[in-house]
C-alpha atoms as a PDB file:
ATOM      1  CA  MET A   1      30.892  54.210   1.361  1.00  0.00           C
ATOM      2  CA  CYS A   2      27.253  54.785   2.285  1.00  0.00           C
ATOM      3  CA  PRO A   3      26.346  56.117   5.746  1.00  0.00           C
ATOM      4  CA  GLN A   4      24.866  52.749   6.798  1.00  0.00           C
ATOM      5  CA  ASP A   5      28.128  50.906   6.019  1.00  0.00           C
ATOM      6  CA  GLU A   6      30.166  53.511   7.887  1.00  0.00           C
ATOM      7  CA  LYS A   7      27.889  53.119  10.909  1.00  0.00           C
ATOM      8  CA  LEU A   8      28.225  49.311  10.817  1.00  0.00           C
ATOM      9  CA  GLU A   9      32.016  49.511  10.626  1.00  0.00           C
ATOM     10  CA  SER A  10      32.127  51.887  13.546  1.00  0.00           C
ATOM     11  CA  VAL A  11      30.010  49.493  15.642  1.00  0.00           C
ATOM     12  CA  LEU A  12      32.130  46.475  14.765  1.00  0.00           C
ATOM     13  CA  ALA A  13      35.282  48.419  15.550  1.00  0.00           C
ATOM     14  CA  ASP A  14      34.044  49.261  19.053  1.00  0.00           C
ATOM     15  CA  PRO A  15      36.315  47.466  21.581  1.00  0.00           C
ATOM     16  CA  TRP A  16      33.336  46.593  23.838  1.00  0.00           C
ATOM     17  CA  PHE A  17      31.597  44.783  20.981  1.00  0.00           C
ATOM     18  CA  ALA A  18      34.780  42.955  19.996  1.00  0.00           C
ATOM     19  CA  LYS A  19      35.116  41.654  23.559  1.00  0.00           C
ATOM     20  CA  ARG A  20      31.490  40.724  24.020  1.00  0.00           C
ATOM     21  CA  GLY A  21      30.936  39.069  20.626  1.00  0.00           C
ATOM     22  CA  PRO A  22      32.962  35.896  21.293  1.00  0.00           C
ATOM     23  CA  ARG A  23      31.444  35.596  24.773  1.00  0.00           C
ATOM     24  CA  TRP A  24      27.968  35.648  23.312  1.00  0.00           C
ATOM     25  CA  SER A  25      28.962  32.979  20.797  1.00  0.00           C
ATOM     26  CA  PHE A  26      30.393  30.750  23.507  1.00  0.00           C
ATOM     27  CA  SER A  27      27.264  31.253  25.609  1.00  0.00           C
ATOM     28  CA  VAL A  28      24.993  30.193  22.755  1.00  0.00           C
ATOM     29  CA  ILE A  29      27.150  27.150  22.061  1.00  0.00           C
ATOM     30  CA  PHE A  30      27.151  26.222  25.758  1.00  0.00           C
ATOM     31  CA  VAL A  31      23.355  26.455  25.936  1.00  0.00           C
ATOM     32  CA  LEU A  32      22.947  24.307  22.820  1.00  0.00           C
ATOM     33  CA  VAL A  33      25.350  21.675  24.125  1.00  0.00           C
ATOM     34  CA  ALA A  34      23.587  21.659  27.494  1.00  0.00           C
ATOM     35  CA  LEU A  35      20.191  21.241  25.880  1.00  0.00           C
ATOM     36  CA  PHE A  36      21.500  18.382  23.729  1.00  0.00           C
ATOM     37  CA  ALA A  37      22.948  16.669  26.793  1.00  0.00           C
ATOM     38  CA  LEU A  38      19.739  17.105  28.763  1.00  0.00           C
ATOM     39  CA  LYS A  39      17.407  16.040  25.965  1.00  0.00           C
ATOM     40  CA  PRO A  40      17.211  12.353  27.014  1.00  0.00           C
ATOM     41  CA  LEU A  41      16.365  13.416  30.578  1.00  0.00           C
ATOM     42  CA  ILE A  42      13.709  15.857  29.351  1.00  0.00           C
ATOM     43  CA  ILE A  43      12.160  13.164  27.132  1.00  0.00           C
ATOM     44  CA  ASN A  44      12.155  10.601  29.941  1.00  0.00           C
ATOM     45  CA  ARG A  45      10.355  13.043  32.209  1.00  0.00           C
ATOM     46  CA  MET A  46       7.768  13.727  29.522  1.00  0.00           C
ATOM     47  CA  LEU A  47       7.162  10.002  29.087  1.00  0.00           C
ATOM     48  CA  ALA A  48       6.963   9.493  32.849  1.00  0.00           C
ATOM     49  CA  ARG A  49       4.292  12.194  32.973  1.00  0.00           C
ATOM     50  CA  ALA A  50       2.487  10.492  30.088  1.00  0.00           C
ATOM     51  CA  GLU A  51       2.417   7.214  32.025  1.00  0.00           C
ATOM     52  CA  ALA A  52       1.126   9.009  35.097  1.00  0.00           C
ATOM     53  CA  TYR A  53      -1.590  10.763  33.089  1.00  0.00           C
ATOM     54  CA  THR A  54      -2.662   7.416  31.633  1.00  0.00           C
ATOM     55  CA  THR A  55      -2.872   5.909  35.126  1.00  0.00           C
ATOM     56  CA  TYR A  56      -5.317   8.624  36.134  1.00  0.00           C
ATOM     57  CA  GLY A  57      -7.308   8.395  32.908  1.00  0.00           C
ATOM     58  CA  LEU A  58      -6.046  11.702  31.517  1.00  0.00           C
ATOM     59  CA  TYR A  59      -5.406  10.243  28.102  1.00  0.00           C
ATOM     60  CA  ASN A  60      -5.380  13.488  26.120  1.00  0.00           C
ATOM     61  CA  ASN A  61      -2.663  14.840  28.418  1.00  0.00           C
ATOM     62  CA  ALA A  62      -0.713  11.601  28.003  1.00  0.00           C
ATOM     63  CA  VAL A  63      -0.905  11.823  24.223  1.00  0.00           C
ATOM     64  CA  ARG A  64       0.253  15.445  24.354  1.00  0.00           C
ATOM     65  CA  GLU A  65       3.325  14.572  26.446  1.00  0.00           C
ATOM     66  CA  CYS A  66       4.226  11.740  24.062  1.00  0.00           C
ATOM     67  CA  LYS A  67       3.955  14.016  21.057  1.00  0.00           C
ATOM     68  CA  LYS A  68       6.202  16.575  22.737  1.00  0.00           C
ATOM     69  CA  ALA A  69       8.791  13.853  23.315  1.00  0.00           C
ATOM     70  CA  ILE A  70       8.507  12.705  19.704  1.00  0.00           C
ATOM     71  CA  PHE A  71       8.966  16.300  18.539  1.00  0.00           C
ATOM     72  CA  LEU A  72      12.309  16.323  20.346  1.00  0.00           C
ATOM     73  CA  ASP A  73      13.313  12.876  19.088  1.00  0.00           C
ATOM     74  CA  GLY A  74      11.244  11.331  16.323  1.00  0.00           C
ATOM     75  CA  ASP A  75      13.282   8.107  16.421  1.00  0.00           C
ATOM     76  CA  ASN A  76      12.641   7.407  20.080  1.00  0.00           C
ATOM     77  CA  THR A  77      10.865   4.041  20.072  1.00  0.00           C
ATOM     78  CA  LEU A  78       9.971   4.308  23.760  1.00  0.00           C
ATOM     79  CA  ALA A  79       8.070   7.500  22.974  1.00  0.00           C
ATOM     80  CA  TRP A  80       6.189   5.817  20.123  1.00  0.00           C
ATOM     81  CA  ASN A  81       5.398   2.795  22.317  1.00  0.00           C
ATOM     82  CA  THR A  82       4.150   5.048  25.104  1.00  0.00           C
ATOM     83  CA  LEU A  83       2.048   6.960  22.588  1.00  0.00           C
ATOM     84  CA  GLY A  84       0.614   3.664  21.366  1.00  0.00           C
ATOM     85  CA  GLY A  85      -0.248   2.683  24.914  1.00  0.00           C
ATOM     86  CA  SER A  86      -1.906   6.050  25.542  1.00  0.00           C
ATOM     87  CA  TYR A  87      -4.026   5.719  22.421  1.00  0.00           C
ATOM     88  CA  LYS A  88      -4.936   2.121  23.305  1.00  0.00           C
ATOM     89  CA  SER A  89      -6.029   3.132  26.796  1.00  0.00           C
ATOM     90  CA  GLN A  90      -8.124   5.841  25.170  1.00  0.00           C
ATOM     91  CA  GLY A  91      -9.771   3.261  22.935  1.00  0.00           C
ATOM     92  CA  ASP A  92      -8.232   4.748  19.795  1.00  0.00           C
ATOM     93  CA  LEU A  93      -6.923   1.480  18.357  1.00  0.00           C
ATOM     94  CA  ASP A  94      -6.218   2.808  14.857  1.00  0.00           C
ATOM     95  CA  ASN A  95      -3.785   5.426  16.131  1.00  0.00           C
ATOM     96  CA  ALA A  96      -2.358   2.916  18.609  1.00  0.00           C
ATOM     97  CA  VAL A  97      -1.561   0.513  15.761  1.00  0.00           C
ATOM     98  CA  THR A  98       0.027   3.350  13.767  1.00  0.00           C
ATOM     99  CA  ALA A  99       2.242   4.303  16.717  1.00  0.00           C
ATOM    100  CA  TYR A 100       3.394   0.730  17.332  1.00  0.00           C
ATOM    101  CA  LEU A 101       4.083   0.130  13.637  1.00  0.00           C
ATOM    102  CA  THR A 102       6.124   3.347  13.553  1.00  0.00           C
ATOM    103  CA  ALA A 103       8.226   2.033  16.441  1.00  0.00           C
ATOM    104  CA  ILE A 104       8.732  -1.205  14.501  1.00  0.00           C
ATOM    105  CA  ASN A 105       9.767   0.700  11.366  1.00  0.00           C
ATOM    106  CA  ILE A 106      12.352   2.568  13.419  1.00  0.00           C
ATOM    107  CA  ASN A 107      13.578  -0.580  15.151  1.00  0.00           C
ATOM    108  CA  PRO A 108      12.417  -3.898  13.648  1.00  0.00           C
ATOM    109  CA  ALA A 109      13.841  -5.679  16.712  1.00  0.00           C
ATOM    110  CA  ASP A 110      11.465  -3.889  19.113  1.00  0.00           C
ATOM    111  CA  ARG A 111       9.780  -6.921  20.665  1.00  0.00           C
ATOM    112  CA  ILE A 112       7.505  -4.773  22.842  1.00  0.00           C
ATOM    113  CA  ALA A 113       5.998  -3.001  19.832  1.00  0.00           C
ATOM    114  CA  HIS A 114       5.591  -6.291  17.939  1.00  0.00           C
ATOM    115  CA  PHE A 115       3.833  -7.891  20.904  1.00  0.00           C
ATOM    116  CA  LYS A 116       1.527  -4.968  21.649  1.00  0.00           C
ATOM    117  CA  VAL A 117       0.394  -4.426  18.076  1.00  0.00           C
ATOM    118  CA  ALA A 118      -0.158  -8.187  17.730  1.00  0.00           C
ATOM    119  CA  MET A 119      -2.324  -8.146  20.854  1.00  0.00           C
ATOM    120  CA  ILE A 120      -4.523  -5.448  19.331  1.00  0.00           C
ATOM    121  CA  PHE A 121      -4.968  -7.512  16.168  1.00  0.00           C
ATOM    122  CA  ALA A 122      -5.703 -10.652  18.204  1.00  0.00           C
ATOM    123  CA  LEU A 123      -8.282  -8.886  20.365  1.00  0.00           C
ATOM    124  CA  GLU A 124      -9.967  -7.722  17.169  1.00  0.00           C
ATOM    125  CA  GLN A 125      -9.874 -11.374  16.031  1.00  0.00           C
ATOM    126  CA  ASN A 126      -7.662 -10.367  13.126  1.00  0.00           C
ATOM    127  CA  TYR A 127      -5.466 -13.403  13.706  1.00  0.00           C
ATOM    128  CA  ASN A 128      -3.731 -13.380  10.341  1.00  0.00           C
ATOM    129  CA  ARG A 129      -2.341  -9.895  11.027  1.00  0.00           C
ATOM    130  CA  ALA A 130      -1.399 -10.828  14.586  1.00  0.00           C
ATOM    131  CA  ILE A 131       0.514 -13.995  13.708  1.00  0.00           C
ATOM    132  CA  PRO A 132       3.532 -12.399  11.916  1.00  0.00           C
ATOM    133  CA  HIS A 133       4.206 -10.106  14.883  1.00  0.00           C
ATOM    134  CA  PHE A 134       3.873 -12.884  17.452  1.00  0.00           C
ATOM    135  CA  GLU A 135       6.156 -15.003  15.269  1.00  0.00           C
ATOM    136  CA  GLN A 136       8.704 -12.189  15.212  1.00  0.00           C
ATOM    137  CA  VAL A 137       8.757 -12.111  19.004  1.00  0.00           C
ATOM    138  CA  ARG A 138       9.096 -15.891  18.966  1.00  0.00           C
ATOM    139  CA  LEU A 139      12.081 -15.533  16.650  1.00  0.00           C
ATOM    140  CA  PHE A 140      13.804 -13.234  19.142  1.00  0.00           C
ATOM    141  CA  GLY A 141      13.702 -16.065  21.681  1.00  0.00           C
ATOM    142  CA  PRO A 142      13.322 -15.952  25.473  1.00  0.00           C
ATOM    143  CA  GLU A 143      14.335 -12.849  27.372  1.00  0.00           C
ATOM    144  CA  SER A 144      17.574 -12.904  29.322  1.00  0.00           C
ATOM    145  CA  PRO A 145      17.450 -13.573  33.078  1.00  0.00           C
ATOM    146  CA  ALA A 146      18.541  -9.967  33.657  1.00  0.00           C
ATOM    147  CA  VAL A 147      15.544  -8.650  31.725  1.00  0.00           C
ATOM    148  CA  LEU A 148      13.130 -10.985  33.502  1.00  0.00           C
ATOM    149  CA  ALA A 149      14.603  -9.954  36.850  1.00  0.00           C
ATOM    150  CA  SER A 150      13.551  -6.351  36.264  1.00  0.00           C
ATOM    151  CA  ASP A 151      10.222  -7.260  34.682  1.00  0.00           C
ATOM    152  CA  SER A 152       8.827 -10.740  35.141  1.00  0.00           C
ATOM    153  CA  PHE A 153       6.514 -10.414  32.127  1.00  0.00           C
ATOM    154  CA  SER A 154       7.767 -12.424  29.161  1.00  0.00           C
ATOM    155  CA  CYS A 155       6.763 -11.314  25.679  1.00  0.00           C
ATOM    156  CA  TYR A 156       8.253 -14.552  24.357  1.00  0.00           C
ATOM    157  CA  ARG A 157       6.134 -16.873  26.496  1.00  0.00           C
ATOM    158  CA  SER A 158       2.994 -14.780  26.018  1.00  0.00           C
ATOM    159  CA  SER A 159       3.573 -14.718  22.257  1.00  0.00           C
ATOM    160  CA  LEU A 160       3.769 -18.514  22.185  1.00  0.00           C
ATOM    161  CA  GLU A 161       0.530 -18.718  24.142  1.00  0.00           C
ATOM    162  CA  MET A 162      -1.153 -16.264  21.783  1.00  0.00           C
ATOM    163  CA  LEU A 163       0.215 -18.090  18.747  1.00  0.00           C
ATOM    164  CA  SER A 164      -1.375 -21.296  19.979  1.00  0.00           C
ATOM    165  CA  LEU A 165      -4.700 -19.457  20.119  1.00  0.00           C
ATOM    166  CA  CYS A 166      -4.242 -17.834  16.708  1.00  0.00           C
ATOM    167  CA  TYR A 167      -3.287 -21.098  15.002  1.00  0.00           C
ATOM    168  CA  GLU A 168      -6.164 -22.893  16.684  1.00  0.00           C
ATOM    169  CA  LYS A 169      -8.628 -20.215  15.574  1.00  0.00           C
ATOM    170  CA  THR A 170      -7.311 -20.265  12.003  1.00  0.00           C
ATOM    171  CA  GLY A 171      -7.297 -24.060  11.810  1.00  0.00           C
ATOM    172  CA  LYS A 172      -3.535 -24.360  11.303  1.00  0.00           C
ATOM    173  CA  LEU A 173      -3.167 -27.401  13.517  1.00  0.00           C
ATOM    174  CA  ASP A 174       0.298 -28.398  12.352  1.00  0.00           C
ATOM    175  CA  LYS A 175       1.614 -24.972  13.371  1.00  0.00           C
ATOM    176  CA  LEU A 176      -0.366 -25.220  16.607  1.00  0.00           C
ATOM    177  CA  GLN A 177       1.348 -28.498  17.453  1.00  0.00           C
ATOM    178  CA  ASN A 178       4.750 -26.963  16.752  1.00  0.00           C
ATOM    179  CA  VAL A 179       4.063 -24.029  19.075  1.00  0.00           C
ATOM    180  CA  LEU A 180       2.741 -26.289  21.829  1.00  0.00           C
ATOM    181  CA  GLU A 181       5.859 -28.443  21.593  1.00  0.00           C
ATOM    182  CA  GLU A 182       8.015 -25.328  21.988  1.00  0.00           C
ATOM    183  CA  LEU A 183       5.943 -24.183  24.962  1.00  0.00           C
ATOM    184  CA  ALA A 184       6.108 -27.583  26.639  1.00  0.00           C
ATOM    185  CA  MET A 185       9.862 -27.855  26.097  1.00  0.00           C
ATOM    186  CA  THR A 186      10.718 -24.302  27.198  1.00  0.00           C
ATOM    187  CA  TYR A 187       8.226 -24.097  30.054  1.00  0.00           C
ATOM    188  CA  PRO A 188       7.620 -27.599  31.487  1.00  0.00           C
ATOM    189  CA  ASP A 189       5.521 -26.033  34.257  1.00  0.00           C
ATOM    190  CA  TYR A 190       3.011 -24.808  31.695  1.00  0.00           C
ATOM    191  CA  THR A 191       0.690 -27.786  32.064  1.00  0.00           C
ATOM    192  CA  LYS A 192      -1.956 -26.345  29.779  1.00  0.00           C
ATOM    193  CA  ALA A 193       0.380 -26.622  26.796  1.00  0.00           C
ATOM    194  CA  VAL A 194       1.330 -30.174  27.726  1.00  0.00           C
ATOM    195  CA  GLU A 195      -2.315 -31.195  28.069  1.00  0.00           C
ATOM    196  CA  LYS A 196      -3.344 -29.594  24.780  1.00  0.00           C
ATOM    197  CA  LEU A 197      -0.407 -31.237  23.045  1.00  0.00           C
ATOM    198  CA  GLN A 198      -1.379 -34.657  24.382  1.00  0.00           C
ATOM    199  CA  VAL A 199      -4.976 -34.203  23.225  1.00  0.00           C
ATOM    200  CA  LEU A 200      -3.785 -33.083  19.818  1.00  0.00           C
ATOM    201  CA  ARG A 201      -1.466 -36.060  19.450  1.00  0.00           C
ATOM    202  CA  GLN A 202      -4.067 -38.544  20.590  1.00  0.00           C
ATOM    203  CA  SER A 203      -6.717 -37.142  18.300  1.00  0.00           C
ATOM    204  CA  SER A 204      -7.605 -39.428  15.435  1.00  0.00           C
ATOM    205  CA  LYS A 205      -8.215 -36.378  13.247  1.00  0.00           C
ATOM    206  CA  PRO A 206      -5.233 -35.846  10.932  1.00  0.00           C
ATOM    207  CA  LEU A 207      -3.379 -32.564  11.051  1.00  0.00           C
ATOM    208  CA  GLU A 208      -4.760 -30.023   8.636  1.00  0.00           C
ATOM    209  CA  ASN A 209      -2.411 -28.087   6.438  1.00  0.00           C
ATOM    210  CA  PRO A 210      -3.100 -24.402   5.849  1.00  0.00           C
END
């Protein structure tokens, strides 16, 4: 046996090492478990800081916090949505779109990401790219009363309103009428939809097919 092997065996045979070894292993395992348990809290704090940075116009700091959160959990759709919002506030619409589409790829049922990316397309007057995402939100249906109680903003209602604009701008009047009918039925207080629907119905111009 070479001198190095003899030295290693003598170290491993030391009673102090034999006692301490398992303790070290348990300590490492405990730290890893604790970090795993705390990860959601750490990510939420990073995203809260990102929102605060955005409020004060510190967009680069906001983007950095979002990226740190994504490094810890690349499948966190809230992190991708927050990153998209940070980029949008910064005026970087290309990266904002990429972030929102990534959130959608992770969770196709993410109505927030669908709505926000559709709004970017609509503001750029790219209505044909906006329509599928607004239609997806429409497919999800109205939010539950519990959701609306915590946040009165309705992606569903706003998507219907935006769809009416998109279909009007693209000349798809039959689809416009369908959306207005859904708006008027679901939200009777939305008089604008009712008025537009009446004008459309009374118009002598036939509906145009796409």
